[in-house]
């Protein structure tokens, strides 16, 4: 999800990031993926600043207002069907789209993966 452009800074309704959920659940693979992603992003920003002098440019972190992950994609993600989730993303699905789990709304697939 991070490679597909998921916003690692998004937070749930209770203010937690996907990284925080991963740490709480003890998911070391997910935590390591975040560390690598953040290191790569930092290196990219430094390189863009050195080349262009103006930073890496604007990526929106405004969330997925009005965008929802289809139920079948949420179910695919929950059963670990990476191919179906990637097909949805490749077909135009947004990594920052959200869904509800129980009484919690505003969850991205990345946050859900960390549960």
N, C-alpha and C. Protein backbone atom coordinates (compact mmCIF):
# COMPACT_ATOMS: atom_id res chain seq x y z
N UNK A 1 0.83 -1.18 0.00
CA UNK A 1 0.00 0.00 0.00
C UNK A 1 0.88 1.26 0.00
N UNK A 2 1.97 1.22 0.72
CA UNK A 2 2.86 2.39 0.73
C UNK A 2 3.42 2.65 -0.66
N UNK A 3 3.81 1.59 -1.37
CA UNK A 3 4.33 1.77 -2.73
C UNK A 3 3.27 2.30 -3.67
N UNK A 4 2.00 2.03 -3.37
CA UNK A 4 0.91 2.49 -4.22
C UNK A 4 0.51 3.92 -3.90
N UNK A 5 1.15 4.53 -2.92
CA UNK A 5 0.89 5.93 -2.62
C UNK A 5 0.06 6.19 -1.38
N UNK A 6 -0.15 5.17 -0.56
CA UNK A 6 -0.91 5.38 0.67
C UNK A 6 -0.23 6.44 1.52
N UNK A 7 -1.02 7.29 2.12
CA UNK A 7 -0.50 8.36 2.97
C UNK A 7 -0.23 7.81 4.36
N UNK A 8 1.03 7.59 4.68
CA UNK A 8 1.41 7.01 5.96
C UNK A 8 1.08 7.93 7.14
N UNK A 9 0.77 9.18 6.87
CA UNK A 9 0.49 10.13 7.94
C UNK A 9 -1.00 10.17 8.32
N UNK A 10 -1.87 9.51 7.54
CA UNK A 10 -3.29 9.52 7.87
C UNK A 10 -3.52 8.88 9.23
N UNK A 11 -4.56 9.34 9.90
CA UNK A 11 -4.85 8.83 11.24
C UNK A 11 -6.31 8.41 11.32
N UNK A 12 -6.58 7.46 12.19
CA UNK A 12 -7.95 6.99 12.42
C UNK A 12 -8.71 8.03 13.21
N UNK A 13 -9.99 7.75 13.44
CA UNK A 13 -10.82 8.68 14.22
C UNK A 13 -10.29 8.88 15.63
N UNK A 14 -9.56 7.91 16.15
CA UNK A 14 -9.02 8.03 17.50
C UNK A 14 -7.61 8.60 17.49
N UNK A 15 -7.15 9.02 16.30
CA UNK A 15 -5.87 9.71 16.20
C UNK A 15 -4.65 8.84 16.04
N UNK A 16 -4.84 7.56 15.74
CA UNK A 16 -3.70 6.66 15.59
C UNK A 16 -3.36 6.46 14.12
N UNK A 17 -2.06 6.34 13.85
CA UNK A 17 -1.59 6.05 12.49
C UNK A 17 -1.50 4.55 12.30
N UNK A 18 -1.37 4.12 11.04
CA UNK A 18 -1.19 2.70 10.75
C UNK A 18 0.08 2.17 11.43
N UNK A 19 1.10 3.00 11.48
CA UNK A 19 2.34 2.59 12.14
C UNK A 19 2.10 2.33 13.62
N UNK A 20 1.32 3.18 14.27
CA UNK A 20 1.02 2.96 15.69
C UNK A 20 0.26 1.65 15.89
N UNK A 21 -0.72 1.38 15.00
CA UNK A 21 -1.46 0.12 15.11
C UNK A 21 -0.52 -1.07 14.93
N UNK A 22 0.38 -0.97 13.96
CA UNK A 22 1.33 -2.07 13.70
C UNK A 22 2.21 -2.31 14.92
N UNK A 23 2.71 -1.23 15.54
CA UNK A 23 3.54 -1.38 16.73
C UNK A 23 2.76 -2.01 17.87
N UNK A 24 1.51 -1.57 18.08
CA UNK A 24 0.69 -2.11 19.16
C UNK A 24 0.43 -3.60 18.97
N UNK A 25 0.26 -4.02 17.72
CA UNK A 25 -0.02 -5.42 17.42
C UNK A 25 1.24 -6.27 17.34
N UNK A 26 2.40 -5.63 17.42
CA UNK A 26 3.65 -6.36 17.35
C UNK A 26 3.97 -6.88 15.96
N UNK A 27 3.48 -6.21 14.94
CA UNK A 27 3.70 -6.64 13.55
C UNK A 27 5.02 -6.06 13.05
N UNK A 28 6.10 -6.80 13.31
CA UNK A 28 7.44 -6.29 12.98
C UNK A 28 7.64 -6.11 11.48
N UNK A 29 7.03 -6.94 10.65
CA UNK A 29 7.18 -6.80 9.20
C UNK A 29 6.55 -5.49 8.72
N UNK A 30 5.40 -5.16 9.26
CA UNK A 30 4.73 -3.92 8.89
C UNK A 30 5.53 -2.71 9.39
N UNK A 31 6.03 -2.78 10.60
CA UNK A 31 6.84 -1.69 11.15
C UNK A 31 8.09 -1.49 10.29
N UNK A 32 8.73 -2.59 9.89
CA UNK A 32 9.92 -2.50 9.04
C UNK A 32 9.58 -1.90 7.68
N UNK A 33 8.42 -2.24 7.13
CA UNK A 33 7.99 -1.65 5.85
C UNK A 33 7.83 -0.14 5.99
N UNK A 34 7.27 0.30 7.11
CA UNK A 34 7.14 1.74 7.36
C UNK A 34 8.51 2.39 7.45
N UNK A 35 9.43 1.78 8.18
CA UNK A 35 10.77 2.36 8.33
C UNK A 35 11.44 2.51 6.98
N UNK A 36 11.36 1.48 6.15
CA UNK A 36 11.96 1.53 4.81
C UNK A 36 11.30 2.62 3.97
N UNK A 37 9.98 2.66 4.01
CA UNK A 37 9.25 3.67 3.24
C UNK A 37 9.64 5.09 3.67
N UNK A 38 9.69 5.31 4.96
CA UNK A 38 10.04 6.65 5.46
C UNK A 38 11.47 7.01 5.11
N UNK A 39 12.38 6.05 5.18
CA UNK A 39 13.77 6.31 4.80
C UNK A 39 13.87 6.63 3.31
N UNK A 40 13.17 5.86 2.48
CA UNK A 40 13.17 6.11 1.04
C UNK A 40 12.57 7.48 0.72
N UNK A 41 11.47 7.82 1.39
CA UNK A 41 10.83 9.11 1.15
C UNK A 41 11.75 10.26 1.56
N UNK A 42 12.43 10.09 2.69
CA UNK A 42 13.36 11.12 3.15
C UNK A 42 14.51 11.29 2.16
N UNK A 43 15.03 10.18 1.67
CA UNK A 43 16.12 10.25 0.68
C UNK A 43 15.64 10.93 -0.59
N UNK A 44 14.42 10.64 -1.01
CA UNK A 44 13.85 11.28 -2.20
C UNK A 44 13.68 12.77 -2.02
N UNK A 45 13.23 13.19 -0.83
CA UNK A 45 13.08 14.63 -0.56
C UNK A 45 14.43 15.33 -0.58
N UNK A 46 15.45 14.69 0.02
CA UNK A 46 16.79 15.30 0.02
C UNK A 46 17.32 15.42 -1.40
N UNK A 47 17.11 14.38 -2.20
CA UNK A 47 17.58 14.41 -3.58
C UNK A 47 16.85 15.47 -4.39
N UNK A 48 15.55 15.58 -4.22
CA UNK A 48 14.77 16.58 -4.96
C UNK A 48 15.18 17.98 -4.55
N UNK A 49 15.45 18.18 -3.27
CA UNK A 49 15.87 19.49 -2.80
C UNK A 49 17.24 19.84 -3.37
N UNK A 50 18.13 18.86 -3.41
CA UNK A 50 19.46 19.11 -3.94
C UNK A 50 19.41 19.41 -5.43
N UNK A 51 18.55 18.74 -6.17
CA UNK A 51 18.46 18.92 -7.62
C UNK A 51 17.69 20.18 -7.97
N UNK A 52 16.48 20.33 -7.36
CA UNK A 52 15.61 21.44 -7.76
C UNK A 52 15.61 22.61 -6.82
N UNK A 53 16.04 22.38 -5.61
CA UNK A 53 16.11 23.46 -4.64
C UNK A 53 14.79 23.85 -4.02
N UNK A 54 13.70 23.15 -4.40
CA UNK A 54 12.40 23.58 -3.89
C UNK A 54 11.65 22.46 -3.20
N UNK A 55 12.27 21.35 -2.90
CA UNK A 55 11.58 20.26 -2.24
C UNK A 55 10.94 19.33 -3.23
N UNK A 56 10.28 18.33 -2.72
CA UNK A 56 9.75 17.27 -3.56
C UNK A 56 8.42 17.61 -4.19
N UNK A 57 7.82 18.71 -3.84
CA UNK A 57 6.55 19.05 -4.45
C UNK A 57 5.39 18.65 -3.58
N UNK A 58 4.19 18.87 -4.10
CA UNK A 58 3.00 18.71 -3.28
C UNK A 58 2.30 17.40 -3.43
N UNK A 59 2.26 16.62 -2.38
CA UNK A 59 1.39 15.47 -2.33
C UNK A 59 0.33 15.80 -1.31
N UNK A 60 -0.89 15.46 -1.64
CA UNK A 60 -2.00 15.80 -0.77
C UNK A 60 -2.08 14.85 0.40
N UNK A 61 -2.30 15.37 1.57
CA UNK A 61 -2.57 14.52 2.72
C UNK A 61 -3.94 14.86 3.27
N UNK A 62 -4.80 15.34 2.38
CA UNK A 62 -6.13 15.76 2.79
C UNK A 62 -7.09 14.63 3.05
N UNK A 63 -6.66 13.37 2.88
CA UNK A 63 -7.54 12.26 3.13
C UNK A 63 -8.33 11.90 1.91
N UNK A 64 -9.34 11.06 2.10
CA UNK A 64 -10.09 10.51 0.98
C UNK A 64 -11.53 10.97 1.02
N UNK A 65 -11.75 12.23 1.23
CA UNK A 65 -13.09 12.77 1.34
C UNK A 65 -14.00 12.22 0.26
N UNK A 66 -15.01 11.44 0.68
CA UNK A 66 -15.97 10.91 -0.27
C UNK A 66 -15.52 9.66 -0.99
N UNK A 67 -14.29 9.20 -0.79
CA UNK A 67 -13.81 7.99 -1.46
C UNK A 67 -13.93 6.82 -0.51
N UNK A 68 -14.45 5.71 -1.02
CA UNK A 68 -14.63 4.54 -0.17
C UNK A 68 -14.03 3.32 -0.84
N UNK A 69 -13.45 2.45 -0.04
CA UNK A 69 -12.94 1.18 -0.52
C UNK A 69 -14.14 0.25 -0.68
N UNK A 70 -14.31 -0.36 -1.87
CA UNK A 70 -15.43 -1.30 -2.04
C UNK A 70 -15.33 -2.47 -1.06
N UNK A 71 -16.48 -2.96 -0.63
CA UNK A 71 -16.51 -4.06 0.34
C UNK A 71 -15.71 -5.27 -0.13
N UNK A 72 -15.80 -5.60 -1.44
CA UNK A 72 -15.09 -6.79 -1.92
C UNK A 72 -13.57 -6.61 -1.82
N UNK A 73 -13.10 -5.37 -1.91
CA UNK A 73 -11.66 -5.11 -1.78
C UNK A 73 -11.26 -5.21 -0.31
N UNK A 74 -12.09 -4.71 0.59
CA UNK A 74 -11.81 -4.84 2.03
C UNK A 74 -11.73 -6.32 2.40
N UNK A 75 -12.69 -7.11 1.92
CA UNK A 75 -12.68 -8.55 2.21
C UNK A 75 -11.44 -9.22 1.63
N UNK A 76 -11.06 -8.83 0.42
CA UNK A 76 -9.85 -9.39 -0.20
C UNK A 76 -8.63 -9.06 0.65
N UNK A 77 -8.55 -7.82 1.12
CA UNK A 77 -7.42 -7.41 1.95
C UNK A 77 -7.40 -8.21 3.26
N UNK A 78 -8.57 -8.41 3.85
CA UNK A 78 -8.64 -9.14 5.12
C UNK A 78 -8.21 -10.60 4.97
N UNK A 79 -8.45 -11.18 3.79
CA UNK A 79 -8.02 -12.58 3.61
C UNK A 79 -6.63 -12.68 2.99
N UNK A 80 -5.98 -11.52 2.80
CA UNK A 80 -4.61 -11.50 2.32
C UNK A 80 -4.47 -11.67 0.82
N UNK A 81 -5.53 -11.36 0.06
CA UNK A 81 -5.51 -11.50 -1.39
C UNK A 81 -4.87 -10.26 -2.02
N UNK A 82 -3.53 -10.26 -2.00
CA UNK A 82 -2.78 -9.11 -2.50
C UNK A 82 -3.09 -8.82 -3.96
N UNK A 83 -3.25 -9.87 -4.77
CA UNK A 83 -3.50 -9.69 -6.21
C UNK A 83 -4.78 -8.91 -6.45
N UNK A 84 -5.85 -9.21 -5.71
CA UNK A 84 -7.12 -8.50 -5.90
C UNK A 84 -7.01 -7.04 -5.46
N UNK A 85 -6.32 -6.80 -4.36
CA UNK A 85 -6.14 -5.42 -3.89
C UNK A 85 -5.30 -4.63 -4.89
N UNK A 86 -4.21 -5.23 -5.38
CA UNK A 86 -3.37 -4.54 -6.37
C UNK A 86 -4.12 -4.30 -7.67
N UNK A 87 -4.98 -5.24 -8.08
CA UNK A 87 -5.78 -5.04 -9.29
C UNK A 87 -6.70 -3.84 -9.12
N UNK A 88 -7.29 -3.70 -7.94
CA UNK A 88 -8.16 -2.55 -7.68
C UNK A 88 -7.35 -1.24 -7.72
N UNK A 89 -6.18 -1.25 -7.11
CA UNK A 89 -5.32 -0.07 -7.13
C UNK A 89 -4.87 0.25 -8.56
N UNK A 90 -4.46 -0.77 -9.31
CA UNK A 90 -4.03 -0.56 -10.69
C UNK A 90 -5.16 -0.06 -11.57
N UNK A 91 -6.39 -0.39 -11.20
CA UNK A 91 -7.56 0.05 -11.96
C UNK A 91 -8.05 1.43 -11.57
N UNK A 92 -7.30 2.11 -10.72
CA UNK A 92 -7.69 3.47 -10.34
C UNK A 92 -8.13 3.63 -8.90
N UNK A 93 -8.14 2.52 -8.15
CA UNK A 93 -8.48 2.63 -6.73
C UNK A 93 -7.47 3.51 -6.01
N UNK A 94 -7.94 4.25 -5.04
CA UNK A 94 -7.06 5.19 -4.33
C UNK A 94 -6.55 4.58 -3.04
N UNK A 95 -5.25 4.67 -2.82
CA UNK A 95 -4.63 4.14 -1.61
C UNK A 95 -5.11 4.88 -0.37
N UNK A 96 -5.63 6.10 -0.55
CA UNK A 96 -6.10 6.86 0.61
C UNK A 96 -7.62 6.76 0.80
N UNK A 97 -8.28 5.88 0.02
CA UNK A 97 -9.71 5.64 0.21
C UNK A 97 -9.90 4.96 1.57
N UNK A 98 -11.07 5.13 2.14
CA UNK A 98 -11.31 4.62 3.50
C UNK A 98 -12.51 3.69 3.56
N UNK A 99 -12.62 2.98 4.68
CA UNK A 99 -13.76 2.13 4.96
C UNK A 99 -14.00 2.12 6.46
N UNK A 100 -15.07 1.43 6.88
CA UNK A 100 -15.40 1.33 8.30
C UNK A 100 -15.14 -0.08 8.79
N UNK A 101 -14.73 -0.19 10.03
CA UNK A 101 -14.58 -1.49 10.69
C UNK A 101 -15.24 -1.34 12.05
N UNK A 102 -16.36 -2.01 12.21
CA UNK A 102 -17.11 -1.87 13.46
C UNK A 102 -17.57 -0.44 13.62
N UNK A 103 -17.25 0.15 14.74
CA UNK A 103 -17.65 1.52 15.02
C UNK A 103 -16.60 2.54 14.60
N UNK A 104 -15.49 2.06 14.02
CA UNK A 104 -14.41 2.95 13.60
C UNK A 104 -14.50 3.19 12.11
N UNK A 105 -14.53 4.45 11.72
CA UNK A 105 -14.55 4.78 10.29
C UNK A 105 -13.28 5.55 9.95
N UNK A 106 -13.05 5.73 8.66
CA UNK A 106 -11.88 6.47 8.22
C UNK A 106 -10.63 5.62 8.16
N UNK A 107 -10.79 4.29 8.06
CA UNK A 107 -9.64 3.39 8.02
C UNK A 107 -9.20 3.21 6.57
N UNK A 108 -7.92 3.35 6.30
CA UNK A 108 -7.37 3.06 4.98
C UNK A 108 -6.98 1.59 4.96
N UNK A 109 -6.73 1.05 3.75
CA UNK A 109 -6.28 -0.34 3.67
C UNK A 109 -4.96 -0.53 4.41
N UNK A 110 -4.12 0.49 4.38
CA UNK A 110 -2.85 0.40 5.10
C UNK A 110 -3.07 0.29 6.59
N UNK A 111 -3.98 1.09 7.12
CA UNK A 111 -4.29 1.00 8.55
C UNK A 111 -4.88 -0.38 8.88
N UNK A 112 -5.77 -0.86 8.00
CA UNK A 112 -6.38 -2.16 8.22
C UNK A 112 -5.36 -3.27 8.23
N UNK A 113 -4.34 -3.16 7.39
CA UNK A 113 -3.30 -4.18 7.33
C UNK A 113 -2.53 -4.24 8.64
N UNK A 114 -2.48 -3.12 9.35
CA UNK A 114 -1.74 -3.06 10.59
C UNK A 114 -2.54 -3.61 11.78
N UNK A 115 -3.85 -3.80 11.61
CA UNK A 115 -4.67 -4.32 12.71
C UNK A 115 -4.31 -5.72 13.04
